[in-house]
Amino acid sequence: MDTLFSFATVLTATILALFAALGLHWLLLRAAFLLMQPATANRRVAQPAIEHATRLVAHAYGQRR
């Protein structure tokens, strides 16, 4: 009877440790994705005013050469 109780205790502790490890792994994976998100999000295109001004400067520089 004592052996069966010890086995049940070890089994319960192992299952509890498994779920704790899975939860910690899920949390760390989610944190890694949240930290990586700003590196790939919000890729902005150049503003039309800046693009137009750059084109004007390049045109003026080309005329002076």
Protein backbone atom coordinates (compact mmCIF):
# COMPACT_ATOMS: atom_id res chain seq x y z
CA MET A 1 0.00 0.00 0.00
CA ASP A 2 2.87 2.33 0.84
CA THR A 3 4.45 1.69 -2.58
CA LEU A 4 1.21 2.55 -4.37
CA PHE A 5 0.92 5.79 -2.39
CA SER A 6 4.51 6.74 -3.22
CA PHE A 7 3.92 6.02 -6.91
CA ALA A 8 0.76 8.17 -6.91
CA THR A 9 2.65 10.98 -5.19
CA VAL A 10 5.47 10.87 -7.74
CA LEU A 11 2.97 10.71 -10.60
CA THR A 12 1.02 13.69 -9.27
CA ALA A 13 4.20 15.72 -8.76
CA THR A 14 5.38 14.87 -12.28
CA ILE A 15 2.09 15.90 -13.87
CA LEU A 16 2.07 19.13 -11.86
CA ALA A 17 5.65 19.87 -12.94
CA LEU A 18 4.70 19.15 -16.55
CA PHE A 19 1.86 21.65 -16.51
CA ALA A 20 4.05 24.24 -14.76
CA ALA A 21 6.74 23.81 -17.41
CA LEU A 22 4.20 24.05 -20.23
CA GLY A 23 2.75 27.24 -18.73
CA LEU A 24 6.18 28.80 -18.32
CA HIS A 25 7.15 27.80 -21.85
CA TRP A 26 3.95 29.35 -23.24
CA LEU A 27 4.56 32.57 -21.29
CA LEU A 28 8.15 32.90 -22.48
CA LEU A 29 7.17 32.15 -26.07
CA ARG A 30 4.44 34.79 -25.94
CA ALA A 31 6.88 37.31 -24.45
CA ALA A 32 9.38 36.58 -27.23
CA PHE A 33 6.74 37.19 -29.89
CA LEU A 34 5.69 40.43 -28.21
CA LEU A 35 9.31 41.61 -28.13
CA MET A 36 9.82 40.71 -31.80
CA GLN A 37 6.64 42.42 -32.99
CA PRO A 38 7.87 46.05 -33.13
CA ALA A 39 10.78 45.06 -35.36
CA THR A 40 8.47 44.00 -38.17
CA ALA A 41 5.35 46.09 -37.59
CA ASN A 42 4.44 49.50 -38.98
CA ARG A 43 6.69 49.73 -42.00
CA ARG A 44 5.87 53.23 -43.13
CA VAL A 45 6.22 54.43 -46.66
CA ALA A 46 7.91 57.73 -47.34
CA GLN A 47 5.66 60.74 -47.06
CA PRO A 48 4.71 62.26 -50.43
CA ALA A 49 5.96 65.72 -49.41
CA ILE A 50 9.44 64.41 -48.57
CA GLU A 51 9.49 62.35 -51.73
CA HIS A 52 8.49 65.37 -53.84
CA ALA A 53 11.10 67.59 -52.18
CA THR A 54 13.81 64.99 -52.78
CA ARG A 55 12.84 64.81 -56.42
CA LEU A 56 13.02 68.65 -56.70
CA VAL A 57 16.46 68.76 -55.07
CA ALA A 58 17.76 66.04 -57.39
CA HIS A 59 16.34 67.87 -60.40
CA ALA A 60 17.89 71.17 -59.33
CA TYR A 61 21.24 69.49 -58.68
CA GLY A 62 21.11 67.84 -62.12
CA GLN A 63 20.48 71.17 -63.85
CA ARG A 64 23.48 72.84 -62.21
CA ARG A 65 25.92 70.15 -63.33
